[in-house]
Amino acid sequence: MKVIWESNDVLAGQIVGMDDLKEQWIIGYIIDSQQGIMYCLVSTTDGLVTPHWPKNEFAEVLTEGGYLPVVLLDRVKRQ
């Protein structure tokens, strides 16, 4: 299953993952005084934090990386 993320789909605190990996990530953010709100992924396994992107670029990262919201991920794994 492929999900196309749009910037309005990006919500801090949302849990995402990939259908072929057990690891999951929480969408996090920081407030940068120069660039505003920047989004990242935080691993629920070890706390690793990815680089930060503006919301529209972050949506592209999620799409290209094949990340799924955990709600959809659960459905994919049950099939």
PDB file of N, CA and C in Angstrom:
ATOM      1  N   MET A   1       0.843  -1.171   0.000  1.00  0.00           N
ATOM      2  CA  MET A   1       0.000   0.000   0.000  1.00  0.00           C
ATOM      3  C   MET A   1       0.892   1.239   0.000  1.00  0.00           C
ATOM      4  N   LYS A   2       0.526   2.205  -0.801  1.00  0.00           N
ATOM      5  CA  LYS A   2       1.264   3.472  -0.826  1.00  0.00           C
ATOM      6  C   LYS A   2       0.323   4.585  -0.397  1.00  0.00           C
ATOM      7  N   VAL A   3       0.822   5.427   0.474  1.00  0.00           N
ATOM      8  CA  VAL A   3       0.071   6.580   0.943  1.00  0.00           C
ATOM      9  C   VAL A   3       0.772   7.824   0.435  1.00  0.00           C
ATOM     10  N   ILE A   4       0.006   8.758  -0.099  1.00  0.00           N
ATOM     11  CA  ILE A   4       0.561  10.041  -0.508  1.00  0.00           C
ATOM     12  C   ILE A   4       0.212  11.046   0.586  1.00  0.00           C
ATOM     13  N   TRP A   5       1.235  11.501   1.284  1.00  0.00           N
ATOM     14  CA  TRP A   5       1.063  12.446   2.376  1.00  0.00           C
ATOM     15  C   TRP A   5       0.948  13.858   1.828  1.00  0.00           C
ATOM     16  N   GLU A   6       0.048  14.617   2.396  1.00  0.00           N
ATOM     17  CA  GLU A   6      -0.051  16.043   2.122  1.00  0.00           C
ATOM     18  C   GLU A   6       0.279  16.773   3.411  1.00  0.00           C
ATOM     19  N   SER A   7       0.641  18.026   3.313  1.00  0.00           N
ATOM     20  CA  SER A   7       1.088  18.747   4.508  1.00  0.00           C
ATOM     21  C   SER A   7       0.017  18.782   5.600  1.00  0.00           C
ATOM     22  N   ASN A   8      -1.262  18.809   5.239  1.00  0.00           N
ATOM     23  CA  ASN A   8      -2.300  18.820   6.273  1.00  0.00           C
ATOM     24  C   ASN A   8      -2.485  17.459   6.943  1.00  0.00           C
ATOM     25  N   ASP A   9      -1.843  16.406   6.428  1.00  0.00           N
ATOM     26  CA  ASP A   9      -1.871  15.084   7.059  1.00  0.00           C
ATOM     27  C   ASP A   9      -0.838  14.963   8.181  1.00  0.00           C
ATOM     28  N   VAL A  10       0.134  15.849   8.199  1.00  0.00           N
ATOM     29  CA  VAL A  10       1.231  15.797   9.164  1.00  0.00           C
ATOM     30  C   VAL A  10       0.761  16.373  10.497  1.00  0.00           C
ATOM     31  N   LEU A  11       0.687  15.506  11.509  1.00  0.00           N
ATOM     32  CA  LEU A  11       0.246  15.924  12.838  1.00  0.00           C
ATOM     33  C   LEU A  11       1.256  15.468  13.879  1.00  0.00           C
ATOM     34  N   ALA A  12       1.749  16.403  14.665  1.00  0.00           N
ATOM     35  CA  ALA A  12       2.682  16.050  15.737  1.00  0.00           C
ATOM     36  C   ALA A  12       2.007  15.066  16.683  1.00  0.00           C
ATOM     37  N   GLY A  13       2.764  14.042  17.078  1.00  0.00           N
ATOM     38  CA  GLY A  13       2.246  13.009  17.971  1.00  0.00           C
ATOM     39  C   GLY A  13       1.705  11.790  17.246  1.00  0.00           C
ATOM     40  N   GLN A  14       1.505  11.902  15.939  1.00  0.00           N
ATOM     41  CA  GLN A  14       1.007  10.773  15.150  1.00  0.00           C
ATOM     42  C   GLN A  14       2.092   9.708  15.043  1.00  0.00           C
ATOM     43  N   ILE A  15       1.699   8.462  15.141  1.00  0.00           N
ATOM     44  CA  ILE A  15       2.647   7.344  15.046  1.00  0.00           C
ATOM     45  C   ILE A  15       2.590   6.780  13.634  1.00  0.00           C
ATOM     46  N   VAL A  16       3.779   6.562  13.060  1.00  0.00           N
ATOM     47  CA  VAL A  16       3.886   6.029  11.706  1.00  0.00           C
ATOM     48  C   VAL A  16       4.865   4.856  11.691  1.00  0.00           C
ATOM     49  N   GLY A  17       4.816   4.084  10.619  1.00  0.00           N
ATOM     50  CA  GLY A  17       5.734   2.971  10.455  1.00  0.00           C
ATOM     51  C   GLY A  17       5.752   2.528   9.008  1.00  0.00           C
ATOM     52  N   MET A  18       6.392   1.399   8.776  1.00  0.00           N
ATOM     53  CA  MET A  18       6.455   0.801   7.447  1.00  0.00           C
ATOM     54  C   MET A  18       5.954  -0.625   7.564  1.00  0.00           C
ATOM     55  N   ASP A  19       5.337  -1.110   6.513  1.00  0.00           N
ATOM     56  CA  ASP A  19       4.738  -2.440   6.612  1.00  0.00           C
ATOM     57  C   ASP A  19       5.755  -3.568   6.723  1.00  0.00           C
ATOM     58  N   ASP A  20       7.012  -3.323   6.372  1.00  0.00           N
ATOM     59  CA  ASP A  20       8.018  -4.384   6.448  1.00  0.00           C
ATOM     60  C   ASP A  20       8.963  -4.244   7.645  1.00  0.00           C
ATOM     61  N   LEU A  21       8.717  -3.286   8.523  1.00  0.00           N
ATOM     62  CA  LEU A  21       9.559  -3.080   9.704  1.00  0.00           C
ATOM     63  C   LEU A  21       8.726  -3.067  10.974  1.00  0.00           C
ATOM     64  N   LYS A  22       9.313  -3.535  12.073  1.00  0.00           N
ATOM     65  CA  LYS A  22       8.623  -3.483  13.358  1.00  0.00           C
ATOM     66  C   LYS A  22       8.738  -2.110  14.011  1.00  0.00           C
ATOM     67  N   GLU A  23       9.823  -1.404  13.723  1.00  0.00           N
ATOM     68  CA  GLU A  23      10.055  -0.101  14.357  1.00  0.00           C
ATOM     69  C   GLU A  23       8.982   0.910  13.933  1.00  0.00           C
ATOM     70  N   GLN A  24       8.595   1.751  14.872  1.00  0.00           N
ATOM     71  CA  GLN A  24       7.639   2.818  14.600  1.00  0.00           C
ATOM     72  C   GLN A  24       8.232   4.141  15.049  1.00  0.00           C
ATOM     73  N   TRP A  25       7.674   5.217  14.524  1.00  0.00           N
ATOM     74  CA  TRP A  25       8.165   6.554  14.823  1.00  0.00           C
ATOM     75  C   TRP A  25       7.005   7.471  15.186  1.00  0.00           C
ATOM     76  N   ILE A  26       7.302   8.457  16.007  1.00  0.00           N
ATOM     77  CA  ILE A  26       6.335   9.496  16.349  1.00  0.00           C
ATOM     78  C   ILE A  26       6.731  10.752  15.576  1.00  0.00           C
ATOM     79  N   ILE A  27       5.752  11.415  14.979  1.00  0.00           N
ATOM     80  CA  ILE A  27       6.041  12.681  14.313  1.00  0.00           C
ATOM     81  C   ILE A  27       6.245  13.735  15.397  1.00  0.00           C
ATOM     82  N   GLY A  28       7.415  14.362  15.368  1.00  0.00           N
ATOM     83  CA  GLY A  28       7.743  15.400  16.331  1.00  0.00           C
ATOM     84  C   GLY A  28       8.045  16.711  15.624  1.00  0.00           C
ATOM     85  N   TYR A  29       8.311  17.725  16.400  1.00  0.00           N
ATOM     86  CA  TYR A  29       8.628  19.018  15.801  1.00  0.00           C
ATOM     87  C   TYR A  29       9.513  19.838  16.730  1.00  0.00           C
ATOM     88  N   ILE A  30      10.157  20.820  16.138  1.00  0.00           N
ATOM     89  CA  ILE A  30      10.873  21.839  16.903  1.00  0.00           C
ATOM     90  C   ILE A  30      10.453  23.192  16.333  1.00  0.00           C
ATOM     91  N   ILE A  31      10.612  24.223  17.116  1.00  0.00           N
ATOM     92  CA  ILE A  31      10.341  25.563  16.619  1.00  0.00           C
ATOM     93  C   ILE A  31      11.683  26.243  16.416  1.00  0.00           C
ATOM     94  N   ASP A  32      11.972  26.538  15.180  1.00  0.00           N
ATOM     95  CA  ASP A  32      13.219  27.182  14.795  1.00  0.00           C
ATOM     96  C   ASP A  32      12.954  28.675  14.647  1.00  0.00           C
ATOM     97  N   SER A  33      13.757  29.502  15.279  1.00  0.00           N
ATOM     98  CA  SER A  33      13.519  30.945  15.238  1.00  0.00           C
ATOM     99  C   SER A  33      13.638  31.523  13.829  1.00  0.00           C
ATOM    100  N   GLN A  34      14.376  30.856  12.955  1.00  0.00           N
ATOM    101  CA  GLN A  34      14.548  31.331  11.581  1.00  0.00           C
ATOM    102  C   GLN A  34      13.518  30.737  10.613  1.00  0.00           C
ATOM    103  N   GLN A  35      13.228  29.436  10.790  1.00  0.00           N
ATOM    104  CA  GLN A  35      12.400  28.732   9.806  1.00  0.00           C
ATOM    105  C   GLN A  35      11.004  28.374  10.303  1.00  0.00           C
ATOM    106  N   GLY A  36      10.675  28.636  11.539  1.00  0.00           N
ATOM    107  CA  GLY A  36       9.361  28.292  12.067  1.00  0.00           C
ATOM    108  C   GLY A  36       9.313  26.848  12.541  1.00  0.00           C
ATOM    109  N   ILE A  37       8.165  26.218  12.399  1.00  0.00           N
ATOM    110  CA  ILE A  37       7.993  24.836  12.868  1.00  0.00           C
ATOM    111  C   ILE A  37       8.622  23.879  11.870  1.00  0.00           C
ATOM    112  N   MET A  38       9.476  23.002  12.383  1.00  0.00           N
ATOM    113  CA  MET A  38      10.161  21.999  11.571  1.00  0.00           C
ATOM    114  C   MET A  38       9.790  20.620  12.109  1.00  0.00           C
ATOM    115  N   TYR A  39       9.495  19.667  11.217  1.00  0.00           N
ATOM    116  CA  TYR A  39       9.012  18.342  11.612  1.00  0.00           C
ATOM    117  C   TYR A  39      10.102  17.283  11.462  1.00  0.00           C
ATOM    118  N   CYS A  40       9.995  16.240  12.292  1.00  0.00           N
ATOM    119  CA  CYS A  40      10.972  15.147  12.278  1.00  0.00           C
ATOM    120  C   CYS A  40      10.281  13.867  12.718  1.00  0.00           C
ATOM    121  N   LEU A  41      11.025  12.783  12.672  1.00  0.00           N
ATOM    122  CA  LEU A  41      10.562  11.501  13.203  1.00  0.00           C
ATOM    123  C   LEU A  41      11.403  11.164  14.424  1.00  0.00           C
ATOM    124  N   VAL A  42      10.746  10.616  15.448  1.00  0.00           N
ATOM    125  CA  VAL A  42      11.425  10.180  16.664  1.00  0.00           C
ATOM    126  C   VAL A  42      11.123   8.694  16.830  1.00  0.00           C
ATOM    127  N   SER A  43      12.157   7.867  16.863  1.00  0.00           N
ATOM    128  CA  SER A  43      11.994   6.428  16.990  1.00  0.00           C
ATOM    129  C   SER A  43      11.412   6.070  18.355  1.00  0.00           C
ATOM    130  N   THR A  44      10.396   5.206  18.345  1.00  0.00           N
ATOM    131  CA  THR A  44       9.837   4.723  19.613  1.00  0.00           C
ATOM    132  C   THR A  44      10.724   3.650  20.224  1.00  0.00           C
ATOM    133  N   THR A  45      11.671   3.116  19.460  1.00  0.00           N
ATOM    134  CA  THR A  45      12.572   2.075  19.950  1.00  0.00           C
ATOM    135  C   THR A  45      13.748   2.643  20.726  1.00  0.00           C
ATOM    136  N   ASP A  46      14.418   3.638  20.128  1.00  0.00           N
ATOM    137  CA  ASP A  46      15.643   4.138  20.758  1.00  0.00           C
ATOM    138  C   ASP A  46      15.729   5.661  20.863  1.00  0.00           C
ATOM    139  N   GLY A  47      14.674   6.369  20.461  1.00  0.00           N
ATOM    140  CA  GLY A  47      14.666   7.826  20.585  1.00  0.00           C
ATOM    141  C   GLY A  47      15.442   8.566  19.515  1.00  0.00           C
ATOM    142  N   LEU A  48      15.956   7.854  18.517  1.00  0.00           N
ATOM    143  CA  LEU A  48      16.688   8.503  17.429  1.00  0.00           C
ATOM    144  C   LEU A  48      15.800   9.565  16.790  1.00  0.00           C
ATOM    145  N   VAL A  49      16.368  10.733  16.536  1.00  0.00           N
ATOM    146  CA  VAL A  49      15.633  11.835  15.910  1.00  0.00           C
ATOM    147  C   VAL A  49      16.220  12.074  14.528  1.00  0.00           C
ATOM    148  N   THR A  50      15.342  12.123  13.526  1.00  0.00           N
ATOM    149  CA  THR A  50      15.784  12.367  12.156  1.00  0.00           C
ATOM    150  C   THR A  50      16.048  13.858  11.951  1.00  0.00           C
ATOM    151  N   PRO A  51      16.610  14.212  10.802  1.00  0.00           N
ATOM    152  CA  PRO A  51      16.704  15.637  10.474  1.00  0.00           C
ATOM    153  C   PRO A  51      15.306  16.268  10.468  1.00  0.00           C
ATOM    154  N   HIS A  52      15.258  17.604  10.490  1.00  0.00           N
ATOM    155  CA  HIS A  52      14.003  18.335  10.532  1.00  0.00           C
ATOM    156  C   HIS A  52      13.716  18.982   9.179  1.00  0.00           C
ATOM    157  N   TRP A  53      12.435  19.021   8.811  1.00  0.00           N
ATOM    158  CA  TRP A  53      12.018  19.624   7.553  1.00  0.00           C
ATOM    159  C   TRP A  53      10.794  20.509   7.772  1.00  0.00           C
ATOM    160  N   PRO A  54      10.573  21.485   6.892  1.00  0.00           N
ATOM    161  CA  PRO A  54       9.306  22.213   6.909  1.00  0.00           C
ATOM    162  C   PRO A  54       8.167  21.226   6.598  1.00  0.00           C
ATOM    163  N   LYS A  55       6.976  21.554   6.991  1.00  0.00           N
ATOM    164  CA  LYS A  55       5.841  20.632   6.887  1.00  0.00           C
ATOM    165  C   LYS A  55       5.633  20.077   5.475  1.00  0.00           C
ATOM    166  N   ASN A  56       5.677  20.925   4.458  1.00  0.00           N
ATOM    167  CA  ASN A  56       5.440  20.441   3.097  1.00  0.00           C
ATOM    168  C   ASN A  56       6.539  19.486   2.637  1.00  0.00           C
ATOM    169  N   GLU A  57       7.789  19.764   2.977  1.00  0.00           N
ATOM    170  CA  GLU A  57       8.887  18.866   2.623  1.00  0.00           C
ATOM    171  C   GLU A  57       8.817  17.579   3.435  1.00  0.00           C
ATOM    172  N   PHE A  58       8.403  17.684   4.676  1.00  0.00           N
ATOM    173  CA  PHE A  58       8.280  16.501   5.532  1.00  0.00           C
ATOM    174  C   PHE A  58       7.231  15.549   4.975  1.00  0.00           C
ATOM    175  N   ALA A  59       6.130  16.089   4.453  1.00  0.00           N
ATOM    176  CA  ALA A  59       5.105  15.246   3.825  1.00  0.00           C
ATOM    177  C   ALA A  59       5.696  14.474   2.653  1.00  0.00           C
ATOM    178  N   GLU A  60       6.562  15.108   1.884  1.00  0.00           N
ATOM    179  CA  GLU A  60       7.229  14.426   0.773  1.00  0.00           C
ATOM    180  C   GLU A  60       8.152  13.331   1.279  1.00  0.00           C
ATOM    181  N   VAL A  61       8.865  13.587   2.365  1.00  0.00           N
ATOM    182  CA  VAL A  61       9.759  12.587   2.964  1.00  0.00           C
ATOM    183  C   VAL A  61       8.954  11.359   3.385  1.00  0.00           C
ATOM    184  N   LEU A  62       7.808  11.587   4.019  1.00  0.00           N
ATOM    185  CA  LEU A  62       6.963  10.474   4.448  1.00  0.00           C
ATOM    186  C   LEU A  62       6.452   9.675   3.260  1.00  0.00           C
ATOM    187  N   THR A  63       6.035  10.360   2.210  1.00  0.00           N
ATOM    188  CA  THR A  63       5.534   9.684   1.009  1.00  0.00           C
ATOM    189  C   THR A  63       6.640   8.868   0.352  1.00  0.00           C
ATOM    190  N   GLU A  64       7.772   9.496   0.102  1.00  0.00           N
ATOM    191  CA  GLU A  64       8.879   8.817  -0.580  1.00  0.00           C
ATOM    192  C   GLU A  64       9.455   7.682   0.252  1.00  0.00           C
ATOM    193  N   GLY A  65       9.406   7.811   1.574  1.00  0.00           N
ATOM    194  CA  GLY A  65       9.921   6.769   2.453  1.00  0.00           C
ATOM    195  C   GLY A  65       8.973   5.596   2.650  1.00  0.00           C
ATOM    196  N   GLY A  66       7.740   5.747   2.209  1.00  0.00           N
ATOM    197  CA  GLY A  66       6.767   4.659   2.349  1.00  0.00           C
ATOM    198  C   GLY A  66       6.182   4.536   3.745  1.00  0.00           C
ATOM    199  N   TYR A  67       6.170   5.622   4.494  1.00  0.00           N
ATOM    200  CA  TYR A  67       5.617   5.593   5.847  1.00  0.00           C
ATOM    201  C   TYR A  67       4.093   5.574   5.794  1.00  0.00           C
ATOM    202  N   LEU A  68       3.511   4.809   6.702  1.00  0.00           N
ATOM    203  CA  LEU A  68       2.059   4.714   6.829  1.00  0.00           C
ATOM    204  C   LEU A  68       1.645   5.122   8.229  1.00  0.00           C
ATOM    205  N   PRO A  69       0.493   5.795   8.361  1.00  0.00           N
ATOM    206  CA  PRO A  69      -0.030   6.034   9.702  1.00  0.00           C
ATOM    207  C   PRO A  69      -0.302   4.689  10.365  1.00  0.00           C
ATOM    208  N   VAL A  70      -0.112   4.585  11.664  1.00  0.00           N
ATOM    209  CA  VAL A  70      -0.245   3.305  12.359  1.00  0.00           C
ATOM    210  C   VAL A  70      -1.638   2.691  12.154  1.00  0.00           C
ATOM    211  N   VAL A  71      -2.653   3.510  11.995  1.00  0.00           N
ATOM    212  CA  VAL A  71      -4.007   2.998  11.753  1.00  0.00           C
ATOM    213  C   VAL A  71      -4.044   2.182  10.461  1.00  0.00           C
ATOM    214  N   LEU A  72      -3.434   2.694   9.408  1.00  0.00           N
ATOM    215  CA  LEU A  72      -3.381   1.956   8.145  1.00  0.00           C
ATOM    216  C   LEU A  72      -2.405   0.806   8.218  1.00  0.00           C
ATOM    217  N   LEU A  73      -1.337   0.978   8.947  1.00  0.00           N
ATOM    218  CA  LEU A  73      -0.328  -0.059   9.093  1.00  0.00           C
ATOM    219  C   LEU A  73      -0.928  -1.316   9.718  1.00  0.00           C
ATOM    220  N   ASP A  74      -1.773  -1.144  10.726  1.00  0.00           N
ATOM    221  CA  ASP A  74      -2.446  -2.274  11.368  1.00  0.00           C
ATOM    222  C   ASP A  74      -3.323  -3.027  10.372  1.00  0.00           C
ATOM    223  N   ARG A  75      -3.997  -2.309   9.498  1.00  0.00           N
ATOM    224  CA  ARG A  75      -4.842  -2.943   8.489  1.00  0.00           C
ATOM    225  C   ARG A  75      -4.026  -3.734   7.484  1.00  0.00           C
ATOM    226  N   VAL A  76      -2.889  -3.180   7.049  1.00  0.00           N
ATOM    227  CA  VAL A  76      -2.016  -3.849   6.079  1.00  0.00           C
ATOM    228  C   VAL A  76      -1.471  -5.141   6.672  1.00  0.00           C
ATOM    229  N   LYS A  77      -1.045  -5.107   7.936  1.00  0.00           N
ATOM    230  CA  LYS A  77      -0.436  -6.280   8.560  1.00  0.00           C
ATOM    231  C   LYS A  77      -1.461  -7.384   8.820  1.00  0.00           C
ATOM    232  N   ARG A  78      -2.748  -7.045   8.935  1.00  0.00           N
ATOM    233  CA  ARG A  78      -3.790  -8.054   9.153  1.00  0.00           C
ATOM    234  C   ARG A  78      -4.146  -8.793   7.880  1.00  0.00           C
ATOM    235  N   GLN A  79      -3.838  -8.203   6.735  1.00  0.00           N
ATOM    236  CA  GLN A  79      -4.223  -8.826   5.441  1.00  0.00           C
ATOM    237  C   GLN A  79      -3.302  -9.961   5.092  1.00  0.00           C
TER     238      GLN A  79
END
